[in-house]
Amino acid sequence: MVKFLLQIAADLENLTNLQPQEGCNEPNFSYLFKLKCERCGELSQRETCVSLNETVSLPSGKATVNLVQKCKFCGRDGTLTMMPGHGKPLTQQMCEERKFSPLMMFECRGYEPVDYVFAGGWKVESVEGTKFDHVDLSGGDFVEYDEKGECPVMVSNLRASFVVK
């Protein structure tokens, strides 16, 4: 079993605290990424979607995981289990320091997560305190105007990586 930490980074203009709508441990937040088979190296053609609230029992019945999937090329079974409690919002300070923010830990057997895809369901707030809810990052950015702070706000240059822990 290998643990992979999903971390994110972005350029935040007049914004801070980018995170899933209900926080980093939100049970309904969907994580989209491709899977690479550790045995044969085959990369899934489509993204896999997992969330904390969706679990399946292992065939042995001894444990639950968030995903059980068979490699279409070599036939090997693999599992993925999400491990909440490792995420933090991406802050303006982290962006200025060019740092990544941890989002979610994944325990994987037989697969490696790759190519995270940003989608909807995010929240962020302006440095003046205005909250922007239900932000969709699937287009690669978010641009708005903060009436309270009288300034433009923007999320751009989204980046994500999986790091072995």
Protein backbone atom coordinates (compact mmCIF):
# COMPACT_ATOMS: atom_id res chain seq x y z
CA MET A 1 0.00 0.00 0.00
CA VAL A 2 1.22 3.46 -0.89
CA LYS A 3 -0.13 6.77 0.39
CA PHE A 4 -0.48 9.67 -2.04
CA LEU A 5 -1.15 13.23 -0.87
CA LEU A 6 -3.08 15.39 -3.33
CA GLN A 7 -1.82 18.95 -3.13
CA ILE A 8 -3.01 22.02 -4.98
CA ALA A 9 -1.60 25.42 -5.87
CA ALA A 10 -2.92 28.43 -7.77
CA ASP A 11 -2.45 32.13 -8.23
CA LEU A 12 -4.92 33.95 -5.98
CA GLU A 13 -5.52 37.63 -6.71
CA ASN A 14 -7.12 39.41 -3.73
CA LEU A 15 -8.38 36.00 -2.54
CA THR A 16 -7.53 33.46 0.16
CA ASN A 17 -8.74 30.17 1.68
CA LEU A 18 -9.53 28.20 -1.48
CA GLN A 19 -11.06 24.86 -0.44
CA PRO A 20 -14.01 22.51 -1.11
CA GLN A 21 -17.40 24.11 -0.37
CA GLU A 22 -17.87 22.43 3.03
CA GLY A 23 -14.17 22.27 3.94
CA CYS A 24 -11.33 19.90 3.15
CA ASN A 25 -13.12 16.90 4.70
CA GLU A 26 -16.43 17.47 2.89
CA PRO A 27 -18.07 14.05 2.45
CA ASN A 28 -19.81 14.93 -0.84
CA PHE A 29 -16.90 16.61 -2.61
CA SER A 30 -15.95 14.70 -5.78
CA TYR A 31 -12.31 14.05 -6.62
CA LEU A 32 -11.65 13.37 -10.31
CA PHE A 33 -8.39 11.87 -11.57
CA LYS A 34 -6.99 9.11 -13.72
CA LEU A 35 -5.52 5.88 -12.36
CA LYS A 36 -2.28 4.23 -13.44
CA CYS A 37 -1.96 0.47 -12.88
CA GLU A 38 1.14 -0.33 -10.81
CA ARG A 39 1.54 -3.72 -12.47
CA CYS A 40 1.36 -2.92 -16.19
CA GLY A 41 1.48 0.90 -16.26
CA GLU A 42 -1.84 1.22 -18.12
CA LEU A 43 -3.46 4.64 -17.66
CA SER A 44 -7.26 4.78 -17.38
CA GLN A 45 -8.81 6.50 -20.39
CA ARG A 46 -11.40 8.37 -18.34
CA GLU A 47 -11.26 10.05 -14.96
CA THR A 48 -12.34 8.14 -11.88
CA CYS A 49 -14.62 9.91 -9.39
CA VAL A 50 -14.42 9.25 -5.65
CA SER A 51 -15.87 10.95 -2.57
CA LEU A 52 -15.70 10.26 1.16
CA ASN A 53 -19.39 9.35 1.41
CA GLU A 54 -19.20 6.59 -1.22
CA THR A 55 -17.72 3.34 0.06
CA VAL A 56 -17.76 -0.30 -1.01
CA SER A 57 -16.94 -3.44 0.92
CA LEU A 58 -13.96 -5.53 -0.08
CA PRO A 59 -14.85 -9.04 -1.32
CA SER A 60 -13.43 -10.42 1.94
CA GLY A 61 -15.92 -8.25 3.84
CA LYS A 62 -13.22 -7.21 6.31
CA ALA A 63 -12.93 -3.58 5.26
CA THR A 64 -14.49 -0.79 3.23
CA VAL A 65 -12.74 1.36 0.64
CA ASN A 66 -13.78 4.24 -1.59
CA LEU A 67 -13.00 2.43 -4.84
CA VAL A 68 -12.39 -1.09 -6.14
CA GLN A 69 -11.42 -1.23 -9.80
CA LYS A 70 -9.99 -3.83 -12.17
CA CYS A 71 -7.32 -2.84 -14.70
CA LYS A 72 -8.77 -3.25 -18.19
CA PHE A 73 -5.38 -4.27 -19.59
CA CYS A 74 -3.91 -6.80 -17.10
CA GLY A 75 -7.00 -7.62 -15.01
CA ARG A 76 -5.42 -6.81 -11.64
CA ASP A 77 -7.73 -5.49 -8.91
CA GLY A 78 -6.81 -2.26 -7.18
CA THR A 79 -8.31 -0.28 -4.32
CA LEU A 80 -8.29 3.31 -3.15
CA THR A 81 -9.16 4.55 0.33
CA MET A 82 -9.52 8.23 1.17
CA MET A 83 -7.96 9.41 4.44
CA PRO A 84 -9.50 12.70 5.66
CA GLY A 85 -7.81 15.06 8.09
CA HIS A 86 -4.80 16.03 5.97
CA GLY A 87 -6.22 19.00 4.04
CA LYS A 88 -5.84 22.74 4.55
CA PRO A 89 -7.24 25.71 2.61
CA LEU A 90 -4.92 27.30 0.05
CA THR A 91 -4.09 30.76 1.41
CA GLN A 92 -2.81 33.94 -0.19
CA GLN A 93 0.43 33.59 1.80
CA MET A 94 1.03 30.06 0.45
CA CYS A 95 0.52 31.35 -3.08
CA GLU A 96 2.98 34.20 -2.56
CA GLU A 97 5.52 31.67 -1.27
CA ARG A 98 4.76 29.39 -4.28
CA LYS A 99 3.76 26.55 -1.91
CA PHE A 100 1.25 23.77 -2.47
CA SER A 101 -1.57 23.14 0.00
CA PRO A 102 -2.48 19.56 1.01
CA LEU A 103 -6.04 18.58 0.09
CA MET A 104 -6.62 14.83 0.61
CA MET A 105 -4.62 11.69 1.34
CA PHE A 106 -5.29 8.51 -0.66
CA GLU A 107 -4.15 5.01 0.34
CA CYS A 108 -3.74 3.01 -2.85
CA ARG A 109 -3.17 -0.68 -3.58
CA GLY A 110 -2.43 -1.56 -7.18
CA TYR A 111 -3.03 1.92 -8.58
CA GLU A 112 -1.40 5.33 -8.61
CA PRO A 113 -3.62 8.44 -8.91
CA VAL A 114 -2.51 10.90 -11.62
CA ASP A 115 -3.86 13.92 -13.52
CA TYR A 116 -6.23 15.52 -10.97
CA VAL A 117 -9.07 17.45 -12.64
CA PHE A 118 -10.48 20.62 -11.04
CA ALA A 119 -14.28 20.82 -11.18
CA GLY A 120 -17.09 22.60 -9.31
CA GLY A 121 -17.88 22.73 -5.59
CA TRP A 122 -15.22 25.12 -4.26
CA LYS A 123 -15.35 28.19 -2.04
CA VAL A 124 -12.93 31.07 -1.62
CA GLU A 125 -13.00 34.41 0.15
CA SER A 126 -11.62 37.82 -0.67
CA VAL A 127 -8.96 39.42 1.48
CA GLU A 128 -11.73 41.88 2.47
CA GLY A 129 -13.93 39.02 3.74
CA THR A 130 -16.42 38.58 0.87
CA LYS A 131 -17.30 34.90 0.46
CA PHE A 132 -17.65 33.30 -2.96
CA ASP A 133 -19.51 29.97 -2.77
CA HIS A 134 -20.09 27.17 -5.30
CA VAL A 135 -17.09 28.21 -7.39
CA ASP A 136 -16.60 26.16 -10.56
CA LEU A 137 -12.92 25.70 -11.46
CA SER A 138 -13.52 23.32 -14.39
CA GLY A 139 -12.71 26.14 -16.82
CA GLY A 140 -9.27 26.57 -15.26
CA ASP A 141 -9.96 29.88 -13.53
CA PHE A 142 -12.46 32.02 -11.59
CA VAL A 143 -12.88 35.77 -12.14
CA GLU A 144 -15.24 38.05 -10.21
CA TYR A 145 -15.48 41.53 -8.72
CA ASP A 146 -15.52 42.10 -4.95
CA GLU A 147 -18.04 44.90 -4.36
CA LYS A 148 -17.08 45.25 -0.68
CA GLY A 149 -13.35 45.50 -1.38
CA GLU A 150 -13.89 47.35 -4.69
CA CYS A 151 -11.37 45.19 -6.49
CA PRO A 152 -11.20 42.35 -9.03
CA VAL A 153 -10.60 38.84 -7.67
CA MET A 154 -9.23 35.88 -9.55
CA VAL A 155 -8.12 32.25 -9.21
CA SER A 156 -5.79 31.23 -12.06
CA ASN A 157 -2.87 28.98 -12.94
CA LEU A 158 -4.39 25.97 -11.12
CA ARG A 159 -1.94 23.14 -10.43
CA ALA A 160 -2.23 19.80 -8.66
CA SER A 161 0.13 16.96 -7.88
CA PHE A 162 0.11 13.65 -6.06
CA VAL A 163 3.07 13.18 -3.72
CA VAL A 164 4.08 9.84 -2.21
CA LYS A 165 3.98 9.96 1.60
